[in-house]
């Protein structure tokens, strides 16, 4: 790493990425800087690239740090390096398109950090066919009066249902107060059918834990002490923070892969850019096998048909 004026140059594989304003404080709770953020992503490189690989990716940028303005950026700006890769996606509602970042190597991630990106929000489909998801996302989203003990209980119910389906779930902290579980699926169905399957799963979890779970669509109508099993995260162009993504909060929490055995002991607020690199060095990427554990949605779609479920775009 060589200094250059008010910048540093980072060697990332075969690329050199210039990082301007490396000493700018991004996370005020402990004082981590833009350079600390880049070093974090370098430390978990295999994991973040696996989580983002070949997916359209929205960037959540904080040009002056997380205490300042937040910018949601879909389009890669003009002047990006020629080695950056993109994927074009269409937004039918507005009849527009965007060339979004498509990560295939770690230098793409560090370039995004140079552009002040803190959070990475990928689609659940890949560049080969952006209209057919290969990832089903289960978002256990606690209400404002829900404690994490209840989230843990619901996660165990979700694990139970997944096991009965023969599906492998890959849990992670959200970087906030909830948990996410990802399931690789065959890219045979469009977003609407994946969302129907996700709703059928959510309703089954609610049936088994009616005192802990809600699937009520409107936030104002939900019990604030329950966990919302958010099937809506499988809607087209809806995104959530990827595995290993830092969150735009002062404490620099990280959406961190965990094992099912850790559900009852993990403290999400302790998973930060200060702690996750050591964990990654010790455990490796706990989602490493996700691409080999592919599930078919047929049973869940049969449940959706049985229950007469319909979802709207």
C-alpha atoms as a PDB file:
ATOM      1  CA  UNK A   1       0.000   0.000   0.000  1.00  0.00           C
ATOM      2  CA  UNK A   2       1.576   3.250  -1.122  1.00  0.00           C
ATOM      3  CA  UNK A   3       0.551   6.771  -0.135  1.00  0.00           C
ATOM      4  CA  UNK A   4      -0.309   9.203  -2.910  1.00  0.00           C
ATOM      5  CA  UNK A   5      -1.220  12.786  -1.991  1.00  0.00           C
ATOM      6  CA  UNK A   6      -4.442  12.572   0.033  1.00  0.00           C
ATOM      7  CA  UNK A   7      -5.037   9.019  -1.129  1.00  0.00           C
ATOM      8  CA  UNK A   8      -3.732   5.491  -0.823  1.00  0.00           C
ATOM      9  CA  UNK A   9      -3.417   2.845  -3.484  1.00  0.00           C
ATOM     10  CA  UNK A  10      -4.643  -0.630  -2.617  1.00  0.00           C
ATOM     11  CA  UNK A  11      -3.430  -3.682  -4.490  1.00  0.00           C
ATOM     12  CA  UNK A  12      -6.465  -5.908  -4.988  1.00  0.00           C
ATOM     13  CA  UNK A  13      -5.603  -9.015  -6.953  1.00  0.00           C
ATOM     14  CA  UNK A  14      -4.289  -7.786 -10.293  1.00  0.00           C
ATOM     15  CA  UNK A  15      -5.872  -4.344  -9.862  1.00  0.00           C
ATOM     16  CA  UNK A  16      -4.764  -1.154  -8.175  1.00  0.00           C
ATOM     17  CA  UNK A  17      -7.623   0.807  -6.624  1.00  0.00           C
ATOM     18  CA  UNK A  18      -7.054   4.384  -5.520  1.00  0.00           C
ATOM     19  CA  UNK A  19      -8.807   5.301  -2.278  1.00  0.00           C
ATOM     20  CA  UNK A  20      -9.264   9.019  -1.707  1.00  0.00           C
ATOM     21  CA  UNK A  21      -9.844  10.566   1.731  1.00  0.00           C
ATOM     22  CA  UNK A  22      -8.758   7.381   3.532  1.00  0.00           C
ATOM     23  CA  UNK A  23      -8.785   9.076   6.946  1.00  0.00           C
ATOM     24  CA  UNK A  24     -12.360  10.339   6.714  1.00  0.00           C
ATOM     25  CA  UNK A  25     -14.305   8.965   9.680  1.00  0.00           C
ATOM     26  CA  UNK A  26     -17.248   6.924   8.467  1.00  0.00           C
ATOM     27  CA  UNK A  27     -18.389   5.292  11.727  1.00  0.00           C
ATOM     28  CA  UNK A  28     -18.369   7.664  14.726  1.00  0.00           C
ATOM     29  CA  UNK A  29     -19.016   5.092  17.479  1.00  0.00           C
ATOM     30  CA  UNK A  30     -15.395   3.846  17.390  1.00  0.00           C
ATOM     31  CA  UNK A  31     -13.923   6.181  14.801  1.00  0.00           C
ATOM     32  CA  UNK A  32     -13.405   3.762  11.903  1.00  0.00           C
ATOM     33  CA  UNK A  33     -12.441   5.436   8.653  1.00  0.00           C
ATOM     34  CA  UNK A  34     -12.967   4.884   4.966  1.00  0.00           C
ATOM     35  CA  UNK A  35      -9.648   3.006   4.894  1.00  0.00           C
ATOM     36  CA  UNK A  36     -10.817   0.809   7.777  1.00  0.00           C
ATOM     37  CA  UNK A  37     -13.917  -0.001   5.728  1.00  0.00           C
ATOM     38  CA  UNK A  38     -11.800  -0.983   2.715  1.00  0.00           C
ATOM     39  CA  UNK A  39      -9.545  -3.125   4.911  1.00  0.00           C
ATOM     40  CA  UNK A  40     -12.604  -4.859   6.337  1.00  0.00           C
ATOM     41  CA  UNK A  41     -13.853  -5.834   2.872  1.00  0.00           C
ATOM     42  CA  UNK A  42     -10.361  -7.017   1.923  1.00  0.00           C
ATOM     43  CA  UNK A  43     -10.356  -9.231   5.032  1.00  0.00           C
ATOM     44  CA  UNK A  44     -13.663 -10.927   4.109  1.00  0.00           C
ATOM     45  CA  UNK A  45     -13.020 -10.841   0.366  1.00  0.00           C
ATOM     46  CA  UNK A  46     -14.015 -14.401  -0.527  1.00  0.00           C
ATOM     47  CA  UNK A  47     -17.228 -14.071   1.442  1.00  0.00           C
ATOM     48  CA  UNK A  48     -18.415 -10.738   0.064  1.00  0.00           C
ATOM     49  CA  UNK A  49     -17.610 -11.734  -3.525  1.00  0.00           C
ATOM     50  CA  UNK A  50     -19.507 -15.014  -3.113  1.00  0.00           C
ATOM     51  CA  UNK A  51     -22.511 -13.120  -1.747  1.00  0.00           C
ATOM     52  CA  UNK A  52     -22.536 -10.607  -4.629  1.00  0.00           C
ATOM     53  CA  UNK A  53     -21.194 -12.650  -7.535  1.00  0.00           C
ATOM     54  CA  UNK A  54     -22.989 -12.022 -10.840  1.00  0.00           C
ATOM     55  CA  UNK A  55     -25.906 -10.185  -9.186  1.00  0.00           C
ATOM     56  CA  UNK A  56     -27.214  -6.706 -10.035  1.00  0.00           C
ATOM     57  CA  UNK A  57     -26.264  -4.657  -7.006  1.00  0.00           C
ATOM     58  CA  UNK A  58     -27.636  -1.439  -5.555  1.00  0.00           C
ATOM     59  CA  UNK A  59     -25.086   0.608  -3.631  1.00  0.00           C
ATOM     60  CA  UNK A  60     -25.900   2.503  -0.452  1.00  0.00           C
ATOM     61  CA  UNK A  61     -23.377   5.334  -0.411  1.00  0.00           C
ATOM     62  CA  UNK A  62     -22.483   7.709   2.415  1.00  0.00           C
ATOM     63  CA  UNK A  63     -20.167  10.351   0.914  1.00  0.00           C
ATOM     64  CA  UNK A  64     -19.443  12.033   4.246  1.00  0.00           C
ATOM     65  CA  UNK A  65     -19.818   9.005   6.519  1.00  0.00           C
ATOM     66  CA  UNK A  66     -22.869   7.320   8.000  1.00  0.00           C
ATOM     67  CA  UNK A  67     -23.900  10.422   9.969  1.00  0.00           C
ATOM     68  CA  UNK A  68     -24.440  12.267   6.698  1.00  0.00           C
ATOM     69  CA  UNK A  69     -26.525  11.903   3.573  1.00  0.00           C
ATOM     70  CA  UNK A  70     -27.366   8.433   2.280  1.00  0.00           C
ATOM     71  CA  UNK A  71     -27.472   7.900  -1.483  1.00  0.00           C
ATOM     72  CA  UNK A  72     -29.182   4.896  -3.089  1.00  0.00           C
ATOM     73  CA  UNK A  73     -27.319   4.321  -6.345  1.00  0.00           C
ATOM     74  CA  UNK A  74     -28.396   1.854  -9.001  1.00  0.00           C
ATOM     75  CA  UNK A  75     -26.482   3.126 -11.999  1.00  0.00           C
ATOM     76  CA  UNK A  76     -22.732   2.819 -12.306  1.00  0.00           C
ATOM     77  CA  UNK A  77     -21.525   6.376 -13.002  1.00  0.00           C
ATOM     78  CA  UNK A  78     -19.733   7.526 -16.124  1.00  0.00           C
ATOM     79  CA  UNK A  79     -15.994   7.369 -15.750  1.00  0.00           C
ATOM     80  CA  UNK A  80     -15.926   4.023 -13.962  1.00  0.00           C
ATOM     81  CA  UNK A  81     -12.830   1.946 -14.764  1.00  0.00           C
ATOM     82  CA  UNK A  82     -13.077  -0.204 -17.903  1.00  0.00           C
ATOM     83  CA  UNK A  83     -12.543  -3.401 -15.889  1.00  0.00           C
ATOM     84  CA  UNK A  84     -15.698  -2.841 -13.861  1.00  0.00           C
ATOM     85  CA  UNK A  85     -18.539  -5.199 -14.802  1.00  0.00           C
ATOM     86  CA  UNK A  86     -22.212  -4.309 -15.002  1.00  0.00           C
ATOM     87  CA  UNK A  87     -25.571  -5.863 -15.796  1.00  0.00           C
ATOM     88  CA  UNK A  88     -28.478  -4.043 -17.408  1.00  0.00           C
ATOM     89  CA  UNK A  89     -31.827  -4.333 -15.645  1.00  0.00           C
ATOM     90  CA  UNK A  90     -35.187  -2.957 -16.728  1.00  0.00           C
ATOM     91  CA  UNK A  91     -37.727  -1.171 -14.542  1.00  0.00           C
ATOM     92  CA  UNK A  92     -41.103  -1.654 -16.275  1.00  0.00           C
ATOM     93  CA  UNK A  93     -43.010   0.740 -14.024  1.00  0.00           C
ATOM     94  CA  UNK A  94     -40.885   3.643 -15.255  1.00  0.00           C
ATOM     95  CA  UNK A  95     -39.897   2.132 -18.623  1.00  0.00           C
ATOM     96  CA  UNK A  96     -36.258   2.753 -17.749  1.00  0.00           C
ATOM     97  CA  UNK A  97     -33.148   0.679 -17.388  1.00  0.00           C
ATOM     98  CA  UNK A  98     -29.987   0.846 -15.328  1.00  0.00           C
ATOM     99  CA  UNK A  99     -26.529  -0.618 -15.712  1.00  0.00           C
ATOM    100  CA  UNK A 100     -25.883  -1.838 -12.172  1.00  0.00           C
ATOM    101  CA  UNK A 101     -22.640  -3.042 -10.650  1.00  0.00           C
ATOM    102  CA  UNK A 102     -22.109  -6.783 -11.155  1.00  0.00           C
ATOM    103  CA  UNK A 103     -19.363  -8.005  -8.847  1.00  0.00           C
ATOM    104  CA  UNK A 104     -17.135 -10.778 -10.135  1.00  0.00           C
ATOM    105  CA  UNK A 105     -13.930  -9.935  -8.253  1.00  0.00           C
ATOM    106  CA  UNK A 106     -12.886  -8.193  -5.056  1.00  0.00           C
ATOM    107  CA  UNK A 107     -11.531  -5.110  -6.831  1.00  0.00           C
ATOM    108  CA  UNK A 108     -15.127  -4.283  -7.829  1.00  0.00           C
ATOM    109  CA  UNK A 109     -16.065  -4.152  -4.133  1.00  0.00           C
ATOM    110  CA  UNK A 110     -13.118  -1.919  -3.228  1.00  0.00           C
ATOM    111  CA  UNK A 111     -13.922   0.388  -6.165  1.00  0.00           C
ATOM    112  CA  UNK A 112     -17.409   0.741  -4.687  1.00  0.00           C
ATOM    113  CA  UNK A 113     -15.866   1.635  -1.305  1.00  0.00           C
ATOM    114  CA  UNK A 114     -13.867   4.327  -3.080  1.00  0.00           C
ATOM    115  CA  UNK A 115     -17.236   5.591  -4.296  1.00  0.00           C
ATOM    116  CA  UNK A 116     -18.266   5.827  -0.602  1.00  0.00           C
ATOM    117  CA  UNK A 117     -20.340   2.640  -0.617  1.00  0.00           C
ATOM    118  CA  UNK A 118     -20.955   1.138   2.809  1.00  0.00           C
ATOM    119  CA  UNK A 119     -23.835  -1.265   2.103  1.00  0.00           C
ATOM    120  CA  UNK A 120     -24.212  -3.722  -0.789  1.00  0.00           C
ATOM    121  CA  UNK A 121     -27.771  -4.708  -1.707  1.00  0.00           C
ATOM    122  CA  UNK A 122     -27.820  -7.378  -4.442  1.00  0.00           C
ATOM    123  CA  UNK A 123     -30.781  -8.791  -6.321  1.00  0.00           C
ATOM    124  CA  UNK A 124     -31.751 -12.403  -5.657  1.00  0.00           C
ATOM    125  CA  UNK A 125     -31.190 -13.218  -9.327  1.00  0.00           C
ATOM    126  CA  UNK A 126     -28.040 -13.305 -11.420  1.00  0.00           C
ATOM    127  CA  UNK A 127     -26.809 -11.745 -14.634  1.00  0.00           C
ATOM    128  CA  UNK A 128     -27.491 -14.866 -16.733  1.00  0.00           C
ATOM    129  CA  UNK A 129     -31.249 -14.401 -16.206  1.00  0.00           C
ATOM    130  CA  UNK A 130     -32.208 -11.491 -14.012  1.00  0.00           C
ATOM    131  CA  UNK A 131     -35.911 -12.410 -14.197  1.00  0.00           C
ATOM    132  CA  UNK A 132     -35.510 -15.848 -12.550  1.00  0.00           C
ATOM    133  CA  UNK A 133     -34.237 -15.736  -8.963  1.00  0.00           C
ATOM    134  CA  UNK A 134     -31.859 -18.387  -7.684  1.00  0.00           C
ATOM    135  CA  UNK A 135     -32.146 -17.225  -4.074  1.00  0.00           C
ATOM    136  CA  UNK A 136     -35.157 -17.365  -1.759  1.00  0.00           C
ATOM    137  CA  UNK A 137     -34.826 -14.928   1.120  1.00  0.00           C
ATOM    138  CA  UNK A 138     -36.451 -15.373   4.516  1.00  0.00           C
ATOM    139  CA  UNK A 139     -36.390 -12.140   6.517  1.00  0.00           C
ATOM    140  CA  UNK A 140     -37.258 -12.462  10.212  1.00  0.00           C
ATOM    141  CA  UNK A 141     -38.087  -8.833  10.948  1.00  0.00           C
ATOM    142  CA  UNK A 142     -38.945  -8.044  14.588  1.00  0.00           C
ATOM    143  CA  UNK A 143     -41.512  -5.419  15.427  1.00  0.00           C
ATOM    144  CA  UNK A 144     -40.519  -2.429  17.554  1.00  0.00           C
ATOM    145  CA  UNK A 145     -41.619  -4.174  20.778  1.00  0.00           C
ATOM    146  CA  UNK A 146     -40.174  -7.588  19.910  1.00  0.00           C
ATOM    147  CA  UNK A 147     -37.084  -8.831  21.729  1.00  0.00           C
ATOM    148  CA  UNK A 148     -34.360 -10.924  20.136  1.00  0.00           C
ATOM    149  CA  UNK A 149     -35.302 -13.996  22.170  1.00  0.00           C
ATOM    150  CA  UNK A 150     -38.495 -14.160  20.113  1.00  0.00           C
ATOM    151  CA  UNK A 151     -36.517 -13.817  16.872  1.00  0.00           C
ATOM    152  CA  UNK A 152     -34.412 -16.778  18.001  1.00  0.00           C
ATOM    153  CA  UNK A 153     -37.524 -18.892  18.667  1.00  0.00           C
ATOM    154  CA  UNK A 154     -38.943 -18.094  15.246  1.00  0.00           C
ATOM    155  CA  UNK A 155     -35.617 -18.938  13.597  1.00  0.00           C
ATOM    156  CA  UNK A 156     -35.795 -22.433  15.114  1.00  0.00           C
ATOM    157  CA  UNK A 157     -39.322 -22.885  13.760  1.00  0.00           C
ATOM    158  CA  UNK A 158     -38.136 -21.774  10.325  1.00  0.00           C
ATOM    159  CA  UNK A 159     -35.268 -24.266  10.553  1.00  0.00           C
ATOM    160  CA  UNK A 160     -37.744 -27.021  11.432  1.00  0.00           C
ATOM    161  CA  UNK A 161     -39.947 -26.283   8.413  1.00  0.00           C
ATOM    162  CA  UNK A 162     -36.947 -26.060   6.089  1.00  0.00           C
ATOM    163  CA  UNK A 163     -35.708 -29.441   7.305  1.00  0.00           C
ATOM    164  CA  UNK A 164     -39.089 -31.013   6.602  1.00  0.00           C
ATOM    165  CA  UNK A 165     -39.011 -29.529   3.103  1.00  0.00           C
ATOM    166  CA  UNK A 166     -35.508 -30.898   2.502  1.00  0.00           C
ATOM    167  CA  UNK A 167     -34.157 -27.365   2.025  1.00  0.00           C
ATOM    168  CA  UNK A 168     -30.856 -26.089   3.372  1.00  0.00           C
ATOM    169  CA  UNK A 169     -31.108 -22.688   5.010  1.00  0.00           C
ATOM    170  CA  UNK A 170     -28.097 -20.421   5.459  1.00  0.00           C
ATOM    171  CA  UNK A 171     -28.665 -17.994   8.354  1.00  0.00           C
ATOM    172  CA  UNK A 172     -27.056 -14.642   8.964  1.00  0.00           C
ATOM    173  CA  UNK A 173     -27.605 -11.646  11.161  1.00  0.00           C
ATOM    174  CA  UNK A 174     -29.252  -8.728   9.410  1.00  0.00           C
ATOM    175  CA  UNK A 175     -26.842  -6.199  10.850  1.00  0.00           C
ATOM    176  CA  UNK A 176     -29.835  -4.799  12.710  1.00  0.00           C
ATOM    177  CA  UNK A 177     -32.306  -6.487  15.044  1.00  0.00           C
ATOM    178  CA  UNK A 178     -33.383  -9.403  12.869  1.00  0.00           C
ATOM    179  CA  UNK A 179     -32.125 -12.514  11.143  1.00  0.00           C
ATOM    180  CA  UNK A 180     -32.052 -13.548   7.498  1.00  0.00           C
ATOM    181  CA  UNK A 181     -32.046 -17.065   6.074  1.00  0.00           C
ATOM    182  CA  UNK A 182     -31.100 -17.675   2.444  1.00  0.00           C
ATOM    183  CA  UNK A 183     -31.972 -20.756   0.398  1.00  0.00           C
ATOM    184  CA  UNK A 184     -30.515 -21.472  -3.026  1.00  0.00           C
ATOM    185  CA  UNK A 185     -33.241 -22.445  -5.473  1.00  0.00           C
ATOM    186  CA  UNK A 186     -33.427 -23.645  -9.035  1.00  0.00           C
ATOM    187  CA  UNK A 187     -33.769 -20.586 -11.322  1.00  0.00           C
ATOM    188  CA  UNK A 188     -36.960 -21.937 -12.888  1.00  0.00           C
ATOM    189  CA  UNK A 189     -39.548 -19.483 -11.603  1.00  0.00           C
ATOM    190  CA  UNK A 190     -40.179 -15.774 -11.859  1.00  0.00           C
ATOM    191  CA  UNK A 191     -40.328 -13.352  -8.960  1.00  0.00           C
ATOM    192  CA  UNK A 192     -44.076 -13.694  -8.456  1.00  0.00           C
ATOM    193  CA  UNK A 193     -43.919 -17.468  -8.039  1.00  0.00           C
ATOM    194  CA  UNK A 194     -40.912 -17.261  -5.729  1.00  0.00           C
ATOM    195  CA  UNK A 195     -42.841 -14.764  -3.634  1.00  0.00           C
ATOM    196  CA  UNK A 196     -45.897 -17.072  -3.550  1.00  0.00           C
ATOM    197  CA  UNK A 197     -43.654 -19.859  -2.307  1.00  0.00           C
ATOM    198  CA  UNK A 198     -42.147 -17.537   0.301  1.00  0.00           C
ATOM    199  CA  UNK A 199     -45.635 -16.568   1.490  1.00  0.00           C
ATOM    200  CA  UNK A 200     -46.655 -20.233   1.782  1.00  0.00           C
ATOM    201  CA  UNK A 201     -43.570 -20.844   3.925  1.00  0.00           C
ATOM    202  CA  UNK A 202     -44.250 -17.778   6.083  1.00  0.00           C
ATOM    203  CA  UNK A 203     -47.835 -18.891   6.726  1.00  0.00           C
ATOM    204  CA  UNK A 204     -46.633 -22.341   7.803  1.00  0.00           C
ATOM    205  CA  UNK A 205     -44.190 -20.765  10.257  1.00  0.00           C
ATOM    206  CA  UNK A 206     -47.045 -18.586  11.546  1.00  0.00           C
ATOM    207  CA  UNK A 207     -49.293 -21.640  12.021  1.00  0.00           C
ATOM    208  CA  UNK A 208     -46.626 -23.291  14.146  1.00  0.00           C
ATOM    209  CA  UNK A 209     -45.792 -20.201  16.202  1.00  0.00           C
ATOM    210  CA  UNK A 210     -48.949 -18.051  16.200  1.00  0.00           C
ATOM    211  CA  UNK A 211     -47.976 -16.156  19.348  1.00  0.00           C
ATOM    212  CA  UNK A 212     -44.587 -15.148  17.941  1.00  0.00           C
ATOM    213  CA  UNK A 213     -45.166 -14.604  14.218  1.00  0.00           C
ATOM    214  CA  UNK A 214     -47.172 -12.324  11.971  1.00  0.00           C
ATOM    215  CA  UNK A 215     -47.566 -12.315   8.199  1.00  0.00           C
ATOM    216  CA  UNK A 216     -49.823  -9.239   8.168  1.00  0.00           C
ATOM    217  CA  UNK A 217     -48.986  -7.125   5.141  1.00  0.00           C
ATOM    218  CA  UNK A 218     -49.554  -3.602   6.498  1.00  0.00           C
ATOM    219  CA  UNK A 219     -47.158  -2.452   9.195  1.00  0.00           C
ATOM    220  CA  UNK A 220     -49.864  -0.456  10.977  1.00  0.00           C
ATOM    221  CA  UNK A 221     -51.920  -3.629  11.409  1.00  0.00           C
ATOM    222  CA  UNK A 222     -49.146  -5.836  12.797  1.00  0.00           C
ATOM    223  CA  UNK A 223     -48.653  -6.756  16.422  1.00  0.00           C
ATOM    224  CA  UNK A 224     -45.476  -4.779  17.281  1.00  0.00           C
ATOM    225  CA  UNK A 225     -44.297  -7.531  19.631  1.00  0.00           C
ATOM    226  CA  UNK A 226     -44.182 -10.235  16.943  1.00  0.00           C
ATOM    227  CA  UNK A 227     -41.745 -11.223  14.210  1.00  0.00           C
ATOM    228  CA  UNK A 228     -42.847 -10.428  10.675  1.00  0.00           C
ATOM    229  CA  UNK A 229     -41.746 -13.205   8.310  1.00  0.00           C
ATOM    230  CA  UNK A 230     -41.243 -10.856   5.397  1.00  0.00           C
ATOM    231  CA  UNK A 231     -41.951 -12.714   2.157  1.00  0.00           C
ATOM    232  CA  UNK A 232     -42.016  -9.364   0.345  1.00  0.00           C
ATOM    233  CA  UNK A 233     -38.207  -9.349   0.211  1.00  0.00           C
ATOM    234  CA  UNK A 234     -38.563 -11.700  -2.762  1.00  0.00           C
ATOM    235  CA  UNK A 235     -40.353  -9.093  -4.852  1.00  0.00           C
ATOM    236  CA  UNK A 236     -38.583  -8.021  -8.031  1.00  0.00           C
ATOM    237  CA  UNK A 237     -36.049  -5.246  -7.381  1.00  0.00           C
ATOM    238  CA  UNK A 238     -36.397  -5.555  -3.595  1.00  0.00           C
ATOM    239  CA  UNK A 239     -33.013  -5.951  -1.991  1.00  0.00           C
ATOM    240  CA  UNK A 240     -31.538  -6.481   1.452  1.00  0.00           C
ATOM    241  CA  UNK A 241     -27.985  -6.188   2.695  1.00  0.00           C
ATOM    242  CA  UNK A 242     -25.834  -9.084   1.526  1.00  0.00           C
ATOM    243  CA  UNK A 243     -23.852 -11.451   3.691  1.00  0.00           C
ATOM    244  CA  UNK A 244     -20.773  -9.569   4.942  1.00  0.00           C
ATOM    245  CA  UNK A 245     -22.236  -6.183   4.050  1.00  0.00           C
ATOM    246  CA  UNK A 246     -21.495  -3.480   6.578  1.00  0.00           C
ATOM    247  CA  UNK A 247     -24.548  -1.509   7.661  1.00  0.00           C
ATOM    248  CA  UNK A 248     -24.748   2.266   7.583  1.00  0.00           C
ATOM    249  CA  UNK A 249     -24.903   2.780  11.346  1.00  0.00           C
ATOM    250  CA  UNK A 250     -22.376   4.404  13.703  1.00  0.00           C
ATOM    251  CA  UNK A 251     -21.346   1.046  15.188  1.00  0.00           C
ATOM    252  CA  UNK A 252     -20.492  -0.441  11.755  1.00  0.00           C
ATOM    253  CA  UNK A 253     -22.432  -3.645  12.349  1.00  0.00           C
ATOM    254  CA  UNK A 254     -22.115  -6.401   9.754  1.00  0.00           C
ATOM    255  CA  UNK A 255     -24.715  -8.771   8.285  1.00  0.00           C
ATOM    256  CA  UNK A 256     -22.809 -11.846   9.420  1.00  0.00           C
ATOM    257  CA  UNK A 257     -23.214 -15.514   8.416  1.00  0.00           C
ATOM    258  CA  UNK A 258     -23.730 -17.772  11.423  1.00  0.00           C
ATOM    259  CA  UNK A 259     -24.408 -21.453  12.005  1.00  0.00           C
ATOM    260  CA  UNK A 260     -27.748 -22.752  13.216  1.00  0.00           C
ATOM    261  CA  UNK A 261     -26.021 -23.783  16.448  1.00  0.00           C
ATOM    262  CA  UNK A 262     -25.181 -20.122  17.078  1.00  0.00           C
ATOM    263  CA  UNK A 263     -28.770 -18.877  16.928  1.00  0.00           C
ATOM    264  CA  UNK A 264     -29.219 -18.980  20.706  1.00  0.00           C
ATOM    265  CA  UNK A 265     -25.949 -17.255  21.519  1.00  0.00           C
ATOM    266  CA  UNK A 266     -25.227 -14.756  18.774  1.00  0.00           C
ATOM    267  CA  UNK A 267     -25.438 -11.081  19.714  1.00  0.00           C
ATOM    268  CA  UNK A 268     -25.885  -9.244  16.402  1.00  0.00           C
ATOM    269  CA  UNK A 269     -24.645  -5.909  17.757  1.00  0.00           C
ATOM    270  CA  UNK A 270     -21.293  -7.539  18.508  1.00  0.00           C
ATOM    271  CA  UNK A 271     -20.764  -8.446  14.837  1.00  0.00           C
ATOM    272  CA  UNK A 272     -18.944  -5.377  13.481  1.00  0.00           C
ATOM    273  CA  UNK A 273     -16.069  -4.488  11.195  1.00  0.00           C
ATOM    274  CA  UNK A 274     -13.902  -4.638  14.315  1.00  0.00           C
ATOM    275  CA  UNK A 275     -14.803  -8.271  15.134  1.00  0.00           C
ATOM    276  CA  UNK A 276     -15.886 -10.058  11.954  1.00  0.00           C
ATOM    277  CA  UNK A 277     -12.432 -10.181  10.245  1.00  0.00           C
ATOM    278  CA  UNK A 278     -11.013 -12.288  13.095  1.00  0.00           C
ATOM    279  CA  UNK A 279     -14.098 -14.501  12.997  1.00  0.00           C
ATOM    280  CA  UNK A 280     -13.726 -14.894   9.234  1.00  0.00           C
ATOM    281  CA  UNK A 281     -10.036 -15.765   9.557  1.00  0.00           C
ATOM    282  CA  UNK A 282     -10.934 -18.458  12.088  1.00  0.00           C
ATOM    283  CA  UNK A 283     -14.107 -19.926  10.555  1.00  0.00           C
ATOM    284  CA  UNK A 284     -13.899 -18.996   6.884  1.00  0.00           C
ATOM    285  CA  UNK A 285     -17.052 -18.231   4.951  1.00  0.00           C
ATOM    286  CA  UNK A 286     -19.909 -20.088   6.638  1.00  0.00           C
ATOM    287  CA  UNK A 287     -21.930 -19.702   3.411  1.00  0.00           C
ATOM    288  CA  UNK A 288     -19.235 -21.334   1.297  1.00  0.00           C
ATOM    289  CA  UNK A 289     -21.396 -24.321   0.316  1.00  0.00           C
ATOM    290  CA  UNK A 290     -24.542 -22.382  -0.517  1.00  0.00           C
ATOM    291  CA  UNK A 291     -24.291 -22.796  -4.292  1.00  0.00           C
ATOM    292  CA  UNK A 292     -24.207 -26.585  -3.979  1.00  0.00           C
ATOM    293  CA  UNK A 293     -27.373 -26.852  -1.850  1.00  0.00           C
ATOM    294  CA  UNK A 294     -30.063 -26.127  -4.437  1.00  0.00           C
ATOM    295  CA  UNK A 295     -33.746 -26.587  -3.596  1.00  0.00           C
ATOM    296  CA  UNK A 296     -36.821 -26.915  -5.811  1.00  0.00           C
ATOM    297  CA  UNK A 297     -39.859 -24.813  -4.881  1.00  0.00           C
ATOM    298  CA  UNK A 298     -42.433 -27.338  -6.100  1.00  0.00           C
ATOM    299  CA  UNK A 299     -43.679 -28.388  -2.652  1.00  0.00           C
ATOM    300  CA  UNK A 300     -44.058 -24.800  -1.487  1.00  0.00           C
ATOM    301  CA  UNK A 301     -45.922 -23.905  -4.665  1.00  0.00           C
ATOM    302  CA  UNK A 302     -48.244 -26.845  -4.020  1.00  0.00           C
ATOM    303  CA  UNK A 303     -48.869 -25.381  -0.564  1.00  0.00           C
ATOM    304  CA  UNK A 304     -49.570 -22.006  -2.187  1.00  0.00           C
ATOM    305  CA  UNK A 305     -52.076 -23.620  -4.577  1.00  0.00           C
ATOM    306  CA  UNK A 306     -53.675 -25.519  -1.680  1.00  0.00           C
ATOM    307  CA  UNK A 307     -54.131 -22.291   0.284  1.00  0.00           C
ATOM    308  CA  UNK A 308     -55.272 -20.288  -2.738  1.00  0.00           C
ATOM    309  CA  UNK A 309     -52.458 -17.771  -2.311  1.00  0.00           C
ATOM    310  CA  UNK A 310     -52.055 -14.886  -4.715  1.00  0.00           C
ATOM    311  CA  UNK A 311     -49.490 -12.107  -4.634  1.00  0.00           C
ATOM    312  CA  UNK A 312     -49.403  -8.865  -6.570  1.00  0.00           C
ATOM    313  CA  UNK A 313     -46.376  -7.272  -8.215  1.00  0.00           C
END
